[in-house]
């Protein structure tokens, strides 16, 4: 639920170009996801206007979110897929998959939604 609420909040942020979470009606596979699950899961990603510089500014400004490529934690984590989990994939393949330099991924943990939002706002 927290990840879905965070995704909805991010959709309203002016620095955010697009949010990806299957619980959002704007997600291209929303109907399929909702037939298979109730909320869409704890992981979301979003593209920032300003590319890599904006993504790094956001990630480096966080204090609560743990900067890592690990997805298995009770703490919320934040990562830049183009330079971590997908760094070995060619630029062409990343572009085709929508893994742009402005893409940021958050795996939402057990923290309160307001605390996560405050942490993200530092860098937006």
PDB file of N, CA and C in Angstrom:
ATOM      1  N   UNK A   1       0.823  -1.194   0.000  1.00  0.00           N
ATOM      2  CA  UNK A   1       0.000   0.000   0.000  1.00  0.00           C
ATOM      3  C   UNK A   1       0.868   1.259   0.000  1.00  0.00           C
ATOM      4  N   UNK A   2       1.945   1.252   0.772  1.00  0.00           N
ATOM      5  CA  UNK A   2       2.824   2.415   0.850  1.00  0.00           C
ATOM      6  C   UNK A   2       3.448   2.716  -0.508  1.00  0.00           C
ATOM      7  N   UNK A   3       3.885   1.677  -1.222  1.00  0.00           N
ATOM      8  CA  UNK A   3       4.492   1.882  -2.540  1.00  0.00           C
ATOM      9  C   UNK A   3       3.488   2.499  -3.513  1.00  0.00           C
ATOM     10  N   UNK A   4       2.262   2.029  -3.489  1.00  0.00           N
ATOM     11  CA  UNK A   4       1.232   2.577  -4.373  1.00  0.00           C
ATOM     12  C   UNK A   4       0.941   4.035  -4.026  1.00  0.00           C
ATOM     13  N   UNK A   5       0.847   4.344  -2.736  1.00  0.00           N
ATOM     14  CA  UNK A   5       0.610   5.733  -2.326  1.00  0.00           C
ATOM     15  C   UNK A   5       1.787   6.630  -2.711  1.00  0.00           C
ATOM     16  N   UNK A   6       3.001   6.113  -2.567  1.00  0.00           N
ATOM     17  CA  UNK A   6       4.184   6.876  -2.971  1.00  0.00           C
ATOM     18  C   UNK A   6       4.169   7.109  -4.483  1.00  0.00           C
ATOM     19  N   UNK A   7       3.804   6.102  -5.247  1.00  0.00           N
ATOM     20  CA  UNK A   7       3.739   6.230  -6.706  1.00  0.00           C
ATOM     21  C   UNK A   7       2.708   7.292  -7.105  1.00  0.00           C
ATOM     22  N   UNK A   8       1.567   7.279  -6.468  1.00  0.00           N
ATOM     23  CA  UNK A   8       0.530   8.282  -6.764  1.00  0.00           C
ATOM     24  C   UNK A   8       1.035   9.688  -6.431  1.00  0.00           C
ATOM     25  N   UNK A   9       1.728   9.821  -5.305  1.00  0.00           N
ATOM     26  CA  UNK A   9       2.277  11.117  -4.903  1.00  0.00           C
ATOM     27  C   UNK A   9       3.325  11.586  -5.901  1.00  0.00           C
ATOM     28  N   UNK A  10       4.196  10.676  -6.332  1.00  0.00           N
ATOM     29  CA  UNK A  10       5.246  11.034  -7.293  1.00  0.00           C
ATOM     30  C   UNK A  10       4.661  11.514  -8.616  1.00  0.00           C
ATOM     31  N   UNK A  11       3.528  10.954  -9.021  1.00  0.00           N
ATOM     32  CA  UNK A  11       2.892  11.395 -10.271  1.00  0.00           C
ATOM     33  C   UNK A  11       2.551  12.880 -10.237  1.00  0.00           C
ATOM     34  N   UNK A  12       2.364  13.438  -9.068  1.00  0.00           N
ATOM     35  CA  UNK A  12       2.016  14.854  -8.941  1.00  0.00           C
ATOM     36  C   UNK A  12       3.206  15.780  -8.758  1.00  0.00           C
ATOM     37  N   UNK A  13       4.407  15.244  -8.750  1.00  0.00           N
ATOM     38  CA  UNK A  13       5.608  16.063  -8.545  1.00  0.00           C
ATOM     39  C   UNK A  13       6.102  16.618  -9.880  1.00  0.00           C
ATOM     40  N   UNK A  14       6.363  17.896  -9.935  1.00  0.00           N
ATOM     41  CA  UNK A  14       6.740  18.545 -11.194  1.00  0.00           C
ATOM     42  C   UNK A  14       8.087  18.073 -11.747  1.00  0.00           C
ATOM     43  N   UNK A  15       8.969  17.582 -10.902  1.00  0.00           N
ATOM     44  CA  UNK A  15      10.284  17.114 -11.359  1.00  0.00           C
ATOM     45  C   UNK A  15      10.234  15.706 -11.951  1.00  0.00           C
ATOM     46  N   UNK A  16       9.093  15.062 -11.811  1.00  0.00           N
ATOM     47  CA  UNK A  16       8.944  13.674 -12.256  1.00  0.00           C
ATOM     48  C   UNK A  16       8.275  13.639 -13.624  1.00  0.00           C
ATOM     49  N   UNK A  17       8.934  12.957 -14.549  1.00  0.00           N
ATOM     50  CA  UNK A  17       8.406  12.826 -15.903  1.00  0.00           C
ATOM     51  C   UNK A  17       7.370  11.712 -15.993  1.00  0.00           C
ATOM     52  N   UNK A  18       7.680  10.532 -15.395  1.00  0.00           N
ATOM     53  CA  UNK A  18       6.769   9.389 -15.471  1.00  0.00           C
ATOM     54  C   UNK A  18       7.035   8.452 -14.308  1.00  0.00           C
ATOM     55  N   UNK A  19       5.962   7.808 -13.811  1.00  0.00           N
ATOM     56  CA  UNK A  19       6.066   6.856 -12.703  1.00  0.00           C
ATOM     57  C   UNK A  19       5.616   5.495 -13.203  1.00  0.00           C
ATOM     58  N   UNK A  20       6.359   4.462 -12.787  1.00  0.00           N
ATOM     59  CA  UNK A  20       6.046   3.088 -13.174  1.00  0.00           C
ATOM     60  C   UNK A  20       5.728   2.265 -11.938  1.00  0.00           C
ATOM     61  N   UNK A  21       4.492   1.867 -11.802  1.00  0.00           N
ATOM     62  CA  UNK A  21       4.045   0.961 -10.745  1.00  0.00           C
ATOM     63  C   UNK A  21       2.761   0.315 -11.258  1.00  0.00           C
ATOM     64  N   UNK A  22       2.680  -1.011 -11.261  1.00  0.00           N
ATOM     65  CA  UNK A  22       1.507  -1.669 -11.857  1.00  0.00           C
ATOM     66  C   UNK A  22       0.187  -1.372 -11.155  1.00  0.00           C
ATOM     67  N   UNK A  23       0.225  -0.814  -9.944  1.00  0.00           N
ATOM     68  CA  UNK A  23      -1.001  -0.430  -9.265  1.00  0.00           C
ATOM     69  C   UNK A  23      -1.597   0.872  -9.779  1.00  0.00           C
ATOM     70  N   UNK A  24      -0.824   1.619 -10.538  1.00  0.00           N
ATOM     71  CA  UNK A  24      -1.310   2.884 -11.110  1.00  0.00           C
ATOM     72  C   UNK A  24      -2.128   2.626 -12.366  1.00  0.00           C
ATOM     73  N   UNK A  25      -3.220   3.333 -12.493  1.00  0.00           N
ATOM     74  CA  UNK A  25      -4.031   3.192 -13.702  1.00  0.00           C
ATOM     75  C   UNK A  25      -3.273   3.631 -14.946  1.00  0.00           C
ATOM     76  N   UNK A  26      -2.270   4.468 -14.780  1.00  0.00           N
ATOM     77  CA  UNK A  26      -1.469   4.945 -15.913  1.00  0.00           C
ATOM     78  C   UNK A  26      -0.483   3.894 -16.418  1.00  0.00           C
ATOM     79  N   UNK A  27      -0.268   2.824 -15.666  1.00  0.00           N
ATOM     80  CA  UNK A  27       0.679   1.776 -16.074  1.00  0.00           C
ATOM     81  C   UNK A  27       0.074   0.968 -17.219  1.00  0.00           C
ATOM     82  N   UNK A  28       0.856   0.704 -18.273  1.00  0.00           N
ATOM     83  CA  UNK A  28       0.303   0.007 -19.442  1.00  0.00           C
ATOM     84  C   UNK A  28      -0.219  -1.411 -19.155  1.00  0.00           C
ATOM     85  N   UNK A  29       0.234  -2.040 -18.091  1.00  0.00           N
ATOM     86  CA  UNK A  29      -0.238  -3.391 -17.762  1.00  0.00           C
ATOM     87  C   UNK A  29      -1.039  -3.421 -16.465  1.00  0.00           C
ATOM     88  N   UNK A  30      -1.660  -2.296 -16.141  1.00  0.00           N
ATOM     89  CA  UNK A  30      -2.435  -2.184 -14.908  1.00  0.00           C
ATOM     90  C   UNK A  30      -3.527  -3.252 -14.806  1.00  0.00           C
ATOM     91  N   UNK A  31      -4.292  -3.424 -15.859  1.00  0.00           N
ATOM     92  CA  UNK A  31      -5.406  -4.386 -15.821  1.00  0.00           C
ATOM     93  C   UNK A  31      -4.911  -5.805 -15.565  1.00  0.00           C
ATOM     94  N   UNK A  32      -3.838  -6.186 -16.226  1.00  0.00           N
ATOM     95  CA  UNK A  32      -3.264  -7.525 -16.021  1.00  0.00           C
ATOM     96  C   UNK A  32      -2.782  -7.666 -14.580  1.00  0.00           C
ATOM     97  N   UNK A  33      -2.058  -6.676 -14.097  1.00  0.00           N
ATOM     98  CA  UNK A  33      -1.522  -6.725 -12.735  1.00  0.00           C
ATOM     99  C   UNK A  33      -2.641  -6.845 -11.708  1.00  0.00           C
ATOM    100  N   UNK A  34      -3.720  -6.094 -11.887  1.00  0.00           N
ATOM    101  CA  UNK A  34      -4.803  -6.120 -10.918  1.00  0.00           C
ATOM    102  C   UNK A  34      -5.582  -7.438 -10.962  1.00  0.00           C
ATOM    103  N   UNK A  35      -5.534  -8.135 -12.087  1.00  0.00           N
ATOM    104  CA  UNK A  35      -6.154  -9.453 -12.170  1.00  0.00           C
ATOM    105  C   UNK A  35      -5.319 -10.496 -11.420  1.00  0.00           C
ATOM    106  N   UNK A  36      -4.038 -10.191 -11.237  1.00  0.00           N
ATOM    107  CA  UNK A  36      -3.119 -11.146 -10.616  1.00  0.00           C
ATOM    108  C   UNK A  36      -2.759 -10.812  -9.173  1.00  0.00           C
ATOM    109  N   UNK A  37      -2.935  -9.558  -8.770  1.00  0.00           N
ATOM    110  CA  UNK A  37      -2.525  -9.132  -7.430  1.00  0.00           C
ATOM    111  C   UNK A  37      -3.412  -7.993  -6.954  1.00  0.00           C
ATOM    112  N   UNK A  38      -3.280  -7.625  -5.703  1.00  0.00           N
ATOM    113  CA  UNK A  38      -4.203  -6.622  -5.169  1.00  0.00           C
ATOM    114  C   UNK A  38      -3.719  -5.185  -5.275  1.00  0.00           C
ATOM    115  N   UNK A  39      -2.387  -4.927  -5.187  1.00  0.00           N
ATOM    116  CA  UNK A  39      -1.921  -3.542  -5.167  1.00  0.00           C
ATOM    117  C   UNK A  39      -0.757  -3.233  -6.087  1.00  0.00           C
ATOM    118  N   UNK A  40      -0.054  -4.200  -6.587  1.00  0.00           N
ATOM    119  CA  UNK A  40       1.037  -3.920  -7.500  1.00  0.00           C
ATOM    120  C   UNK A  40       2.432  -4.137  -6.957  1.00  0.00           C
ATOM    121  N   UNK A  41       2.568  -4.432  -5.682  1.00  0.00           N
ATOM    122  CA  UNK A  41       3.879  -4.747  -5.129  1.00  0.00           C
ATOM    123  C   UNK A  41       4.625  -3.561  -4.559  1.00  0.00           C
ATOM    124  N   UNK A  42       5.779  -3.834  -3.925  1.00  0.00           N
ATOM    125  CA  UNK A  42       6.510  -2.804  -3.197  1.00  0.00           C
ATOM    126  C   UNK A  42       7.560  -2.030  -3.998  1.00  0.00           C
ATOM    127  N   UNK A  43       7.738  -2.352  -5.274  1.00  0.00           N
ATOM    128  CA  UNK A  43       8.789  -1.708  -6.062  1.00  0.00           C
ATOM    129  C   UNK A  43       8.170  -0.771  -7.086  1.00  0.00           C
ATOM    130  N   UNK A  44       8.742   0.414  -7.205  1.00  0.00           N
ATOM    131  CA  UNK A  44       8.308   1.373  -8.211  1.00  0.00           C
ATOM    132  C   UNK A  44       9.538   2.030  -8.798  1.00  0.00           C
ATOM    133  N   UNK A  45       9.370   2.607  -9.951  1.00  0.00           N
ATOM    134  CA  UNK A  45      10.448   3.395 -10.539  1.00  0.00           C
ATOM    135  C   UNK A  45       9.834   4.630 -11.164  1.00  0.00           C
ATOM    136  N   UNK A  46      10.683   5.612 -11.398  1.00  0.00           N
ATOM    137  CA  UNK A  46      10.195   6.852 -11.991  1.00  0.00           C
ATOM    138  C   UNK A  46      11.337   7.534 -12.724  1.00  0.00           C
ATOM    139  N   UNK A  47      10.975   8.251 -13.764  1.00  0.00           N
ATOM    140  CA  UNK A  47      11.941   8.981 -14.557  1.00  0.00           C
ATOM    141  C   UNK A  47      11.866  10.452 -14.165  1.00  0.00           C
ATOM    142  N   UNK A  48      13.027  11.003 -13.886  1.00  0.00           N
ATOM    143  CA  UNK A  48      13.108  12.415 -13.523  1.00  0.00           C
ATOM    144  C   UNK A  48      13.444  13.265 -14.737  1.00  0.00           C
ATOM    145  N   UNK A  49      12.878  14.443 -14.792  1.00  0.00           N
ATOM    146  CA  UNK A  49      13.283  15.415 -15.793  1.00  0.00           C
ATOM    147  C   UNK A  49      14.708  15.836 -15.429  1.00  0.00           C
ATOM    148  N   UNK A  50      15.586  15.908 -16.387  1.00  0.00           N
ATOM    149  CA  UNK A  50      16.960  16.302 -16.082  1.00  0.00           C
ATOM    150  C   UNK A  50      17.940  15.152 -16.130  1.00  0.00           C
ATOM    151  N   UNK A  51      17.472  13.951 -16.436  1.00  0.00           N
ATOM    152  CA  UNK A  51      18.360  12.811 -16.653  1.00  0.00           C
ATOM    153  C   UNK A  51      19.200  12.394 -15.465  1.00  0.00           C
ATOM    154  N   UNK A  52      20.412  11.948 -15.779  1.00  0.00           N
ATOM    155  CA  UNK A  52      21.322  11.392 -14.783  1.00  0.00           C
ATOM    156  C   UNK A  52      21.655  12.392 -13.680  1.00  0.00           C
ATOM    157  N   UNK A  53      21.859  13.643 -14.027  1.00  0.00           N
ATOM    158  CA  UNK A  53      22.194  14.653 -13.017  1.00  0.00           C
ATOM    159  C   UNK A  53      21.065  14.783 -12.000  1.00  0.00           C
ATOM    160  N   UNK A  54      19.834  14.801 -12.467  1.00  0.00           N
ATOM    161  CA  UNK A  54      18.688  14.906 -11.560  1.00  0.00           C
ATOM    162  C   UNK A  54      18.543  13.640 -10.724  1.00  0.00           C
ATOM    163  N   UNK A  55      18.776  12.494 -11.342  1.00  0.00           N
ATOM    164  CA  UNK A  55      18.679  11.223 -10.609  1.00  0.00           C
ATOM    165  C   UNK A  55      19.724  11.155  -9.503  1.00  0.00           C
ATOM    166  N   UNK A  56      20.968  11.503  -9.821  1.00  0.00           N
ATOM    167  CA  UNK A  56      22.033  11.469  -8.818  1.00  0.00           C
ATOM    168  C   UNK A  56      21.800  12.505  -7.722  1.00  0.00           C
ATOM    169  N   UNK A  57      21.277  13.670  -8.077  1.00  0.00           N
ATOM    170  CA  UNK A  57      20.978  14.700  -7.076  1.00  0.00           C
ATOM    171  C   UNK A  57      19.960  14.153  -6.075  1.00  0.00           C
ATOM    172  N   UNK A  58      18.917  13.512  -6.582  1.00  0.00           N
ATOM    173  CA  UNK A  58      17.892  12.945  -5.715  1.00  0.00           C
ATOM    174  C   UNK A  58      18.477  11.842  -4.832  1.00  0.00           C
ATOM    175  N   UNK A  59      19.142  10.888  -5.454  1.00  0.00           N
ATOM    176  CA  UNK A  59      19.683   9.751  -4.706  1.00  0.00           C
ATOM    177  C   UNK A  59      20.665  10.218  -3.636  1.00  0.00           C
ATOM    178  N   UNK A  60      21.547  11.121  -3.981  1.00  0.00           N
ATOM    179  CA  UNK A  60      22.549  11.600  -3.029  1.00  0.00           C
ATOM    180  C   UNK A  60      21.964  12.456  -1.903  1.00  0.00           C
ATOM    181  N   UNK A  61      20.789  13.016  -2.127  1.00  0.00           N
ATOM    182  CA  UNK A  61      20.157  13.855  -1.110  1.00  0.00           C
ATOM    183  C   UNK A  61      19.395  13.043  -0.069  1.00  0.00           C
ATOM    184  N   UNK A  62      19.087  11.784  -0.365  1.00  0.00           N
ATOM    185  CA  UNK A  62      18.305  11.000   0.588  1.00  0.00           C
ATOM    186  C   UNK A  62      19.127  10.669   1.826  1.00  0.00           C
ATOM    187  N   UNK A  63      18.448  10.577   2.950  1.00  0.00           N
ATOM    188  CA  UNK A  63      19.094  10.221   4.214  1.00  0.00           C
ATOM    189  C   UNK A  63      18.462   8.969   4.811  1.00  0.00           C
ATOM    190  N   UNK A  64      17.171   8.800   4.611  1.00  0.00           N
ATOM    191  CA  UNK A  64      16.451   7.643   5.130  1.00  0.00           C
ATOM    192  C   UNK A  64      16.599   6.441   4.203  1.00  0.00           C
ATOM    193  N   UNK A  65      16.424   6.660   2.915  1.00  0.00           N
ATOM    194  CA  UNK A  65      16.502   5.572   1.948  1.00  0.00           C
ATOM    195  C   UNK A  65      17.942   5.092   1.823  1.00  0.00           C
ATOM    196  N   UNK A  66      18.110   3.804   1.814  1.00  0.00           N
ATOM    197  CA  UNK A  66      19.438   3.208   1.698  1.00  0.00           C
ATOM    198  C   UNK A  66      19.818   3.128   0.222  1.00  0.00           C
ATOM    199  N   UNK A  67      20.973   3.662  -0.152  1.00  0.00           N
ATOM    200  CA  UNK A  67      21.421   3.646  -1.539  1.00  0.00           C
ATOM    201  C   UNK A  67      22.057   2.291  -1.827  1.00  0.00           C
ATOM    202  N   UNK A  68      21.361   1.483  -2.625  1.00  0.00           N
ATOM    203  CA  UNK A  68      21.823   0.132  -2.913  1.00  0.00           C
ATOM    204  C   UNK A  68      21.079  -0.427  -4.110  1.00  0.00           C
ATOM    205  N   UNK A  69      21.611  -1.482  -4.690  1.00  0.00           N
ATOM    206  CA  UNK A  69      20.920  -2.191  -5.773  1.00  0.00           C
ATOM    207  C   UNK A  69      20.178  -3.406  -5.219  1.00  0.00           C
ATOM    208  N   UNK A  70      20.303  -3.665  -3.923  1.00  0.00           N
ATOM    209  CA  UNK A  70      19.647  -4.796  -3.280  1.00  0.00           C
ATOM    210  C   UNK A  70      18.147  -4.539  -3.163  1.00  0.00           C
ATOM    211  N   UNK A  71      17.330  -5.533  -3.449  1.00  0.00           N
ATOM    212  CA  UNK A  71      15.883  -5.369  -3.346  1.00  0.00           C
ATOM    213  C   UNK A  71      15.298  -6.069  -2.127  1.00  0.00           C
ATOM    214  N   UNK A  72      16.074  -6.886  -1.431  1.00  0.00           N
ATOM    215  CA  UNK A  72      15.530  -7.670  -0.336  1.00  0.00           C
ATOM    216  C   UNK A  72      15.870  -7.097   1.024  1.00  0.00           C
ATOM    217  N   UNK A  73      15.081  -6.160   1.507  1.00  0.00           N
ATOM    218  CA  UNK A  73      15.378  -5.533   2.783  1.00  0.00           C
ATOM    219  C   UNK A  73      14.082  -5.018   3.387  1.00  0.00           C
ATOM    220  N   UNK A  74      14.059  -4.840   4.694  1.00  0.00           N
ATOM    221  CA  UNK A  74      12.898  -4.215   5.337  1.00  0.00           C
ATOM    222  C   UNK A  74      12.987  -2.706   5.260  1.00  0.00           C
ATOM    223  N   UNK A  75      14.194  -2.183   4.965  1.00  0.00           N
ATOM    224  CA  UNK A  75      14.387  -0.745   4.783  1.00  0.00           C
ATOM    225  C   UNK A  75      14.089  -0.384   3.330  1.00  0.00           C
ATOM    226  N   UNK A  76      13.604   0.800   3.125  1.00  0.00           N
ATOM    227  CA  UNK A  76      13.404   1.271   1.758  1.00  0.00           C
ATOM    228  C   UNK A  76      14.761   1.522   1.119  1.00  0.00           C
ATOM    229  N   UNK A  77      14.883   1.138  -0.139  1.00  0.00           N
ATOM    230  CA  UNK A  77      16.140   1.325  -0.855  1.00  0.00           C
ATOM    231  C   UNK A  77      15.896   2.136  -2.117  1.00  0.00           C
ATOM    232  N   UNK A  78      16.949   2.782  -2.592  1.00  0.00           N
ATOM    233  CA  UNK A  78      16.878   3.597  -3.796  1.00  0.00           C
ATOM    234  C   UNK A  78      18.108   3.295  -4.645  1.00  0.00           C
ATOM    235  N   UNK A  79      17.919   3.228  -5.958  1.00  0.00           N
ATOM    236  CA  UNK A  79      19.046   2.919  -6.836  1.00  0.00           C
ATOM    237  C   UNK A  79      18.863   3.576  -8.205  1.00  0.00           C
ATOM    238  N   UNK A  80      19.955   3.670  -8.916  1.00  0.00           N
ATOM    239  CA  UNK A  80      19.994   4.193 -10.273  1.00  0.00           C
ATOM    240  C   UNK A  80      20.297   3.002 -11.193  1.00  0.00           C
ATOM    241  N   UNK A  81      19.267   2.371 -11.786  1.00  0.00           N
ATOM    242  CA  UNK A  81      19.467   1.146 -12.553  1.00  0.00           C
ATOM    243  C   UNK A  81      20.493   1.241 -13.686  1.00  0.00           C
ATOM    244  N   UNK A  82      20.571   2.372 -14.378  1.00  0.00           N
ATOM    245  CA  UNK A  82      21.486   2.493 -15.515  1.00  0.00           C
ATOM    246  C   UNK A  82      22.952   2.353 -15.118  1.00  0.00           C
ATOM    247  N   UNK A  83      23.277   2.689 -13.865  1.00  0.00           N
ATOM    248  CA  UNK A  83      24.673   2.597 -13.432  1.00  0.00           C
ATOM    249  C   UNK A  83      24.904   1.510 -12.389  1.00  0.00           C
ATOM    250  N   UNK A  84      23.858   0.725 -12.079  1.00  0.00           N
ATOM    251  CA  UNK A  84      24.021  -0.359 -11.107  1.00  0.00           C
ATOM    252  C   UNK A  84      23.539  -1.677 -11.705  1.00  0.00           C
ATOM    253  N   UNK A  85      22.284  -1.998 -11.535  1.00  0.00           N
ATOM    254  CA  UNK A  85      21.747  -3.301 -11.936  1.00  0.00           C
ATOM    255  C   UNK A  85      21.797  -3.564 -13.438  1.00  0.00           C
ATOM    256  N   UNK A  86      21.780  -2.519 -14.253  1.00  0.00           N
ATOM    257  CA  UNK A  86      21.753  -2.681 -15.703  1.00  0.00           C
ATOM    258  C   UNK A  86      22.977  -2.090 -16.395  1.00  0.00           C
ATOM    259  N   UNK A  87      24.048  -1.865 -15.646  1.00  0.00           N
ATOM    260  CA  UNK A  87      25.241  -1.222 -16.196  1.00  0.00           C
ATOM    261  C   UNK A  87      25.905  -2.062 -17.288  1.00  0.00           C
ATOM    262  N   UNK A  88      25.785  -3.360 -17.229  1.00  0.00           N
ATOM    263  CA  UNK A  88      26.434  -4.226 -18.218  1.00  0.00           C
ATOM    264  C   UNK A  88      25.619  -4.415 -19.496  1.00  0.00           C
ATOM    265  N   UNK A  89      24.428  -3.866 -19.517  1.00  0.00           N
ATOM    266  CA  UNK A  89      23.585  -3.934 -20.701  1.00  0.00           C
ATOM    267  C   UNK A  89      23.928  -2.749 -21.596  1.00  0.00           C
ATOM    268  N   UNK A  90      23.919  -2.964 -22.886  1.00  0.00           N
ATOM    269  CA  UNK A  90      24.271  -1.880 -23.807  1.00  0.00           C
ATOM    270  C   UNK A  90      23.289  -0.713 -23.673  1.00  0.00           C
ATOM    271  N   UNK A  91      23.767   0.468 -24.039  1.00  0.00           N
ATOM    272  CA  UNK A  91      22.912   1.661 -24.000  1.00  0.00           C
ATOM    273  C   UNK A  91      21.677   1.454 -24.871  1.00  0.00           C
ATOM    274  N   UNK A  92      21.855   0.826 -26.020  1.00  0.00           N
ATOM    275  CA  UNK A  92      20.739   0.574 -26.932  1.00  0.00           C
ATOM    276  C   UNK A  92      19.682  -0.316 -26.264  1.00  0.00           C
ATOM    277  N   UNK A  93      20.120  -1.362 -25.582  1.00  0.00           N
ATOM    278  CA  UNK A  93      19.189  -2.267 -24.904  1.00  0.00           C
ATOM    279  C   UNK A  93      18.509  -1.568 -23.730  1.00  0.00           C
ATOM    280  N   UNK A  94      19.265  -0.745 -22.984  1.00  0.00           N
ATOM    281  CA  UNK A  94      18.656   0.008 -21.887  1.00  0.00           C
ATOM    282  C   UNK A  94      17.602   0.972 -22.416  1.00  0.00           C
ATOM    283  N   UNK A  95      17.924   1.668 -23.496  1.00  0.00           N
ATOM    284  CA  UNK A  95      16.961   2.604 -24.085  1.00  0.00           C
ATOM    285  C   UNK A  95      15.690   1.872 -24.521  1.00  0.00           C
ATOM    286  N   UNK A  96      15.847   0.713 -25.132  1.00  0.00           N
ATOM    287  CA  UNK A  96      14.698  -0.066 -25.592  1.00  0.00           C
ATOM    288  C   UNK A  96      13.824  -0.525 -24.427  1.00  0.00           C
ATOM    289  N   UNK A  97      14.453  -0.759 -23.284  1.00  0.00           N
ATOM    290  CA  UNK A  97      13.718  -1.207 -22.095  1.00  0.00           C
ATOM    291  C   UNK A  97      13.208  -0.049 -21.247  1.00  0.00           C
ATOM    292  N   UNK A  98      13.511   1.189 -21.642  1.00  0.00           N
ATOM    293  CA  UNK A  98      13.069   2.355 -20.885  1.00  0.00           C
ATOM    294  C   UNK A  98      13.936   2.664 -19.676  1.00  0.00           C
ATOM    295  N   UNK A  99      15.135   2.091 -19.644  1.00  0.00           N
ATOM    296  CA  UNK A  99      16.051   2.330 -18.530  1.00  0.00           C
ATOM    297  C   UNK A  99      16.929   3.518 -18.901  1.00  0.00           C
ATOM    298  N   UNK A 100      16.351   4.705 -18.749  1.00  0.00           N
ATOM    299  CA  UNK A 100      17.032   5.940 -19.119  1.00  0.00           C
ATOM    300  C   UNK A 100      17.944   6.394 -17.991  1.00  0.00           C
ATOM    301  N   UNK A 101      18.771   7.386 -18.276  1.00  0.00           N
ATOM    302  CA  UNK A 101      19.665   7.923 -17.248  1.00  0.00           C
ATOM    303  C   UNK A 101      18.910   8.643 -16.137  1.00  0.00           C
ATOM    304  N   UNK A 102      17.672   9.025 -16.387  1.00  0.00           N
ATOM    305  CA  UNK A 102      16.874   9.691 -15.364  1.00  0.00           C
ATOM    306  C   UNK A 102      16.020   8.746 -14.531  1.00  0.00           C
ATOM    307  N   UNK A 103      16.116   7.445 -14.793  1.00  0.00           N
ATOM    308  CA  UNK A 103      15.287   6.464 -14.082  1.00  0.00           C
ATOM    309  C   UNK A 103      15.857   6.160 -12.697  1.00  0.00           C
ATOM    310  N   UNK A 104      14.988   6.179 -11.700  1.00  0.00           N
ATOM    311  CA  UNK A 104      15.332   5.855 -10.314  1.00  0.00           C
ATOM    312  C   UNK A 104      14.374   4.761  -9.860  1.00  0.00           C
ATOM    313  N   UNK A 105      14.876   3.797  -9.069  1.00  0.00           N
ATOM    314  CA  UNK A 105      14.017   2.729  -8.553  1.00  0.00           C
ATOM    315  C   UNK A 105      14.032   2.775  -7.032  1.00  0.00           C
ATOM    316  N   UNK A 106      12.853   2.639  -6.456  1.00  0.00           N
ATOM    317  CA  UNK A 106      12.716   2.551  -5.004  1.00  0.00           C
ATOM    318  C   UNK A 106      12.020   1.243  -4.663  1.00  0.00           C
ATOM    319  N   UNK A 107      12.590   0.506  -3.733  1.00  0.00           N
ATOM    320  CA  UNK A 107      11.932  -0.659  -3.144  1.00  0.00           C
ATOM    321  C   UNK A 107      11.470  -0.198  -1.760  1.00  0.00           C
ATOM    322  N   UNK A 108      10.175  -0.089  -1.571  1.00  0.00           N
ATOM    323  CA  UNK A 108       9.605   0.471  -0.350  1.00  0.00           C
ATOM    324  C   UNK A 108       9.653  -0.558   0.777  1.00  0.00           C
ATOM    325  N   UNK A 109      10.182  -0.107   1.900  1.00  0.00           N
ATOM    326  CA  UNK A 109      10.273  -0.958   3.079  1.00  0.00           C
ATOM    327  C   UNK A 109       9.188  -0.638   4.086  1.00  0.00           C
ATOM    328  N   UNK A 110       9.530  -0.702   5.355  1.00  0.00           N
ATOM    329  CA  UNK A 110       8.551  -0.565   6.422  1.00  0.00           C
ATOM    330  C   UNK A 110       8.423   0.846   6.984  1.00  0.00           C
ATOM    331  N   UNK A 111       9.183   1.799   6.459  1.00  0.00           N
ATOM    332  CA  UNK A 111       9.116   3.166   6.978  1.00  0.00           C
ATOM    333  C   UNK A 111       7.740   3.790   6.691  1.00  0.00           C
ATOM    334  N   UNK A 112       7.411   4.809   7.445  1.00  0.00           N
ATOM    335  CA  UNK A 112       6.152   5.526   7.246  1.00  0.00           C
ATOM    336  C   UNK A 112       6.215   6.302   5.927  1.00  0.00           C
ATOM    337  N   UNK A 113       5.106   6.340   5.224  1.00  0.00           N
ATOM    338  CA  UNK A 113       5.030   7.028   3.937  1.00  0.00           C
ATOM    339  C   UNK A 113       5.499   8.480   4.029  1.00  0.00           C
ATOM    340  N   UNK A 114       5.094   9.203   5.053  1.00  0.00           N
ATOM    341  CA  UNK A 114       5.486  10.607   5.186  1.00  0.00           C
ATOM    342  C   UNK A 114       7.005  10.761   5.302  1.00  0.00           C
ATOM    343  N   UNK A 115       7.661   9.816   5.974  1.00  0.00           N
ATOM    344  CA  UNK A 115       9.113   9.859   6.097  1.00  0.00           C
ATOM    345  C   UNK A 115       9.789   9.617   4.751  1.00  0.00           C
ATOM    346  N   UNK A 116       9.252   8.695   3.974  1.00  0.00           N
ATOM    347  CA  UNK A 116       9.813   8.416   2.644  1.00  0.00           C
ATOM    348  C   UNK A 116       9.632   9.633   1.741  1.00  0.00           C
ATOM    349  N   UNK A 117       8.438  10.219   1.755  1.00  0.00           N
ATOM    350  CA  UNK A 117       8.186  11.407   0.943  1.00  0.00           C
ATOM    351  C   UNK A 117       9.147  12.536   1.306  1.00  0.00           C
ATOM    352  N   UNK A 118       9.339  12.768   2.587  1.00  0.00           N
ATOM    353  CA  UNK A 118      10.246  13.828   3.031  1.00  0.00           C
ATOM    354  C   UNK A 118      11.650  13.584   2.533  1.00  0.00           C
ATOM    355  N   UNK A 119      12.068  12.335   2.564  1.00  0.00           N
ATOM    356  CA  UNK A 119      13.409  11.991   2.114  1.00  0.00           C
ATOM    357  C   UNK A 119      13.556  12.230   0.608  1.00  0.00           C
ATOM    358  N   UNK A 120      12.557  11.847  -0.154  1.00  0.00           N
ATOM    359  CA  UNK A 120      12.591  12.045  -1.611  1.00  0.00           C
ATOM    360  C   UNK A 120      12.551  13.524  -1.951  1.00  0.00           C
ATOM    361  N   UNK A 121      11.763  14.294  -1.211  1.00  0.00           N
ATOM    362  CA  UNK A 121      11.656  15.735  -1.485  1.00  0.00           C
ATOM    363  C   UNK A 121      12.986  16.469  -1.358  1.00  0.00           C
ATOM    364  N   UNK A 122      13.906  15.970  -0.533  1.00  0.00           N
ATOM    365  CA  UNK A 122      15.217  16.610  -0.402  1.00  0.00           C
ATOM    366  C   UNK A 122      15.902  16.773  -1.748  1.00  0.00           C
ATOM    367  N   UNK A 123      15.738  15.784  -2.613  1.00  0.00           N
ATOM    368  CA  UNK A 123      16.434  15.798  -3.894  1.00  0.00           C
ATOM    369  C   UNK A 123      15.599  16.256  -5.066  1.00  0.00           C
ATOM    370  N   UNK A 124      14.282  16.324  -4.881  1.00  0.00           N
ATOM    371  CA  UNK A 124      13.440  16.791  -5.988  1.00  0.00           C
ATOM    372  C   UNK A 124      13.530  18.297  -6.100  1.00  0.00           C
TER     373      UNK A 124
END
